[in-house]
Amino acid sequence: MSAAAEAAPGRATPLANAVVLGAALLAALAAVQRYTHALDAPGARFVFERERCHGVVRAGRNDCGTSTHACAGQAREDGGAEEWISLPAGTCERIAGGRLRGGDSGAGG
């Protein structure tokens, strides 16, 4: 037997290196596909749903105009009934005082 054909114990071979690197690459690609939207299937699209949340805006922090002003950032008081801010879908109902419809007829009877 030749010395080149027989690997010393504990010594890496080119095949073992390729297997380990291949497995690491597959694990990395699987993680990227699973936890990001970088490798989505064709036709799949990531949509970040948003909703308008009324009644929780701080003065000067609104997202858009209302019947009393025409622009974002012009709310005059905290918690105005018409003032709204855009939030991720499902968040507004978790905020105290938040409602999906604007105006003075909020939650009440």
C-alpha atoms as a PDB file:
ATOM      1  CA  MET A   1       0.000   0.000   0.000  1.00  0.00           C
ATOM      2  CA  SER A   2       1.211   3.485  -0.742  1.00  0.00           C
ATOM      3  CA  ALA A   3       1.374   6.220   1.851  1.00  0.00           C
ATOM      4  CA  ALA A   4      -0.838   8.500  -0.280  1.00  0.00           C
ATOM      5  CA  ALA A   5      -3.664   5.940  -0.484  1.00  0.00           C
ATOM      6  CA  GLU A   6      -3.876   5.456   3.249  1.00  0.00           C
ATOM      7  CA  ALA A   7      -4.970   8.450   5.368  1.00  0.00           C
ATOM      8  CA  ALA A   8      -3.491   8.895   8.791  1.00  0.00           C
ATOM      9  CA  PRO A   9      -5.968   8.594  11.672  1.00  0.00           C
ATOM     10  CA  GLY A  10      -7.494  11.958  12.574  1.00  0.00           C
ATOM     11  CA  ARG A  11      -6.456  13.509   9.291  1.00  0.00           C
ATOM     12  CA  ALA A  12      -9.098  15.068   7.018  1.00  0.00           C
ATOM     13  CA  THR A  13      -9.480  13.883   3.444  1.00  0.00           C
ATOM     14  CA  PRO A  14     -10.696  15.948   0.509  1.00  0.00           C
ATOM     15  CA  LEU A  15     -13.942  13.921   0.387  1.00  0.00           C
ATOM     16  CA  ALA A  16     -14.646  14.491   4.085  1.00  0.00           C
ATOM     17  CA  ASN A  17     -13.990  18.202   3.666  1.00  0.00           C
ATOM     18  CA  ALA A  18     -16.398  18.374   0.725  1.00  0.00           C
ATOM     19  CA  VAL A  19     -19.117  16.536   2.673  1.00  0.00           C
ATOM     20  CA  VAL A  20     -18.798  18.819   5.696  1.00  0.00           C
ATOM     21  CA  LEU A  21     -18.748  22.001   3.586  1.00  0.00           C
ATOM     22  CA  GLY A  22     -21.708  20.782   1.517  1.00  0.00           C
ATOM     23  CA  ALA A  23     -23.736  20.008   4.628  1.00  0.00           C
ATOM     24  CA  ALA A  24     -22.926  23.420   6.120  1.00  0.00           C
ATOM     25  CA  LEU A  25     -23.955  25.136   2.876  1.00  0.00           C
ATOM     26  CA  LEU A  26     -27.255  23.237   2.734  1.00  0.00           C
ATOM     27  CA  ALA A  27     -27.994  24.063   6.363  1.00  0.00           C
ATOM     28  CA  ALA A  28     -27.291  27.746   5.714  1.00  0.00           C
ATOM     29  CA  LEU A  29     -29.542  27.825   2.630  1.00  0.00           C
ATOM     30  CA  ALA A  30     -32.309  26.033   4.503  1.00  0.00           C
ATOM     31  CA  ALA A  31     -32.096  28.616   7.310  1.00  0.00           C
ATOM     32  CA  VAL A  32     -32.178  31.518   4.839  1.00  0.00           C
ATOM     33  CA  GLN A  33     -35.205  30.029   3.088  1.00  0.00           C
ATOM     34  CA  ARG A  34     -37.031  29.299   6.349  1.00  0.00           C
ATOM     35  CA  TYR A  35     -36.406  32.545   8.225  1.00  0.00           C
ATOM     36  CA  THR A  36     -36.326  35.133   5.430  1.00  0.00           C
ATOM     37  CA  HIS A  37     -38.200  35.802   2.221  1.00  0.00           C
ATOM     38  CA  ALA A  38     -35.045  35.788   0.092  1.00  0.00           C
ATOM     39  CA  LEU A  39     -35.636  32.326  -1.396  1.00  0.00           C
ATOM     40  CA  ASP A  40     -39.428  32.173  -1.659  1.00  0.00           C
ATOM     41  CA  ALA A  41     -41.127  29.950  -4.155  1.00  0.00           C
ATOM     42  CA  PRO A  42     -41.960  31.461  -7.551  1.00  0.00           C
ATOM     43  CA  GLY A  43     -45.105  33.547  -7.385  1.00  0.00           C
ATOM     44  CA  ALA A  44     -45.007  33.792  -3.593  1.00  0.00           C
ATOM     45  CA  ARG A  45     -45.085  37.345  -2.307  1.00  0.00           C
ATOM     46  CA  PHE A  46     -44.513  38.716   1.165  1.00  0.00           C
ATOM     47  CA  VAL A  47     -47.269  41.146   2.137  1.00  0.00           C
ATOM     48  CA  PHE A  48     -46.976  43.233   5.267  1.00  0.00           C
ATOM     49  CA  GLU A  49     -50.572  43.967   6.223  1.00  0.00           C
ATOM     50  CA  ARG A  50     -51.216  47.359   7.830  1.00  0.00           C
ATOM     51  CA  GLU A  51     -54.262  49.050   9.366  1.00  0.00           C
ATOM     52  CA  ARG A  52     -55.262  52.543  10.405  1.00  0.00           C
ATOM     53  CA  CYS A  53     -55.533  52.852  14.168  1.00  0.00           C
ATOM     54  CA  HIS A  54     -57.598  55.799  15.404  1.00  0.00           C
ATOM     55  CA  GLY A  55     -57.600  57.445  18.816  1.00  0.00           C
ATOM     56  CA  VAL A  56     -54.094  56.540  19.988  1.00  0.00           C
ATOM     57  CA  VAL A  57     -52.003  59.189  18.233  1.00  0.00           C
ATOM     58  CA  ARG A  58     -49.876  61.611  20.228  1.00  0.00           C
ATOM     59  CA  ALA A  59     -49.932  65.299  19.292  1.00  0.00           C
ATOM     60  CA  GLY A  60     -47.858  65.893  16.165  1.00  0.00           C
ATOM     61  CA  ARG A  61     -47.403  62.155  15.435  1.00  0.00           C
ATOM     62  CA  ASN A  62     -50.343  61.398  13.109  1.00  0.00           C
ATOM     63  CA  ASP A  63     -49.786  59.740   9.718  1.00  0.00           C
ATOM     64  CA  CYS A  64     -52.136  61.737   7.494  1.00  0.00           C
ATOM     65  CA  GLY A  65     -54.664  64.549   7.244  1.00  0.00           C
ATOM     66  CA  THR A  66     -58.194  64.671   8.671  1.00  0.00           C
ATOM     67  CA  SER A  67     -61.176  67.011   8.358  1.00  0.00           C
ATOM     68  CA  THR A  68     -59.373  69.590  10.543  1.00  0.00           C
ATOM     69  CA  HIS A  69     -55.951  69.599   8.843  1.00  0.00           C
ATOM     70  CA  ALA A  70     -54.394  68.381   5.600  1.00  0.00           C
ATOM     71  CA  CYS A  71     -51.097  66.822   6.545  1.00  0.00           C
ATOM     72  CA  ALA A  72     -49.193  64.303   8.645  1.00  0.00           C
ATOM     73  CA  GLY A  73     -47.682  65.534  11.890  1.00  0.00           C
ATOM     74  CA  GLN A  74     -50.344  68.179  12.529  1.00  0.00           C
ATOM     75  CA  ALA A  75     -52.410  66.526  15.275  1.00  0.00           C
ATOM     76  CA  ARG A  76     -53.036  69.175  17.932  1.00  0.00           C
ATOM     77  CA  GLU A  77     -53.921  66.914  20.875  1.00  0.00           C
ATOM     78  CA  ASP A  78     -53.200  63.417  22.136  1.00  0.00           C
ATOM     79  CA  GLY A  79     -55.817  60.760  21.335  1.00  0.00           C
ATOM     80  CA  GLY A  80     -57.836  62.753  18.809  1.00  0.00           C
ATOM     81  CA  ALA A  81     -60.842  60.781  17.530  1.00  0.00           C
ATOM     82  CA  GLU A  82     -60.052  61.345  13.825  1.00  0.00           C
ATOM     83  CA  GLU A  83     -56.273  61.129  14.088  1.00  0.00           C
ATOM     84  CA  TRP A  84     -54.746  57.836  12.996  1.00  0.00           C
ATOM     85  CA  ILE A  85     -51.451  56.058  12.651  1.00  0.00           C
ATOM     86  CA  SER A  86     -50.582  53.106  10.431  1.00  0.00           C
ATOM     87  CA  LEU A  87     -49.731  49.951  12.406  1.00  0.00           C
ATOM     88  CA  PRO A  88     -49.173  46.263  11.594  1.00  0.00           C
ATOM     89  CA  ALA A  89     -52.503  44.451  11.203  1.00  0.00           C
ATOM     90  CA  GLY A  90     -53.899  43.152  14.492  1.00  0.00           C
ATOM     91  CA  THR A  91     -51.994  45.642  16.649  1.00  0.00           C
ATOM     92  CA  CYS A  92     -54.603  48.392  17.041  1.00  0.00           C
ATOM     93  CA  GLU A  93     -57.104  46.296  18.958  1.00  0.00           C
ATOM     94  CA  ARG A  94     -54.413  45.478  21.531  1.00  0.00           C
ATOM     95  CA  ILE A  95     -53.793  49.151  22.356  1.00  0.00           C
ATOM     96  CA  ALA A  96     -55.994  50.743  25.017  1.00  0.00           C
ATOM     97  CA  GLY A  97     -58.285  53.216  23.277  1.00  0.00           C
ATOM     98  CA  GLY A  98     -57.359  52.018  19.792  1.00  0.00           C
ATOM     99  CA  ARG A  99     -60.116  51.503  17.235  1.00  0.00           C
ATOM    100  CA  LEU A 100     -60.201  50.801  13.512  1.00  0.00           C
ATOM    101  CA  ARG A 101     -62.862  53.424  12.733  1.00  0.00           C
ATOM    102  CA  GLY A 102     -62.321  57.147  13.222  1.00  0.00           C
ATOM    103  CA  GLY A 103     -64.733  59.815  14.384  1.00  0.00           C
ATOM    104  CA  ASP A 104     -66.518  60.567  17.620  1.00  0.00           C
ATOM    105  CA  SER A 105     -68.622  57.389  17.568  1.00  0.00           C
ATOM    106  CA  GLY A 106     -65.932  55.095  18.972  1.00  0.00           C
ATOM    107  CA  ALA A 107     -66.665  52.030  21.081  1.00  0.00           C
ATOM    108  CA  GLY A 108     -69.675  52.807  23.165  1.00  0.00           C
ATOM    109  CA  GLY A 109     -73.377  52.347  23.327  1.00  0.00           C
END
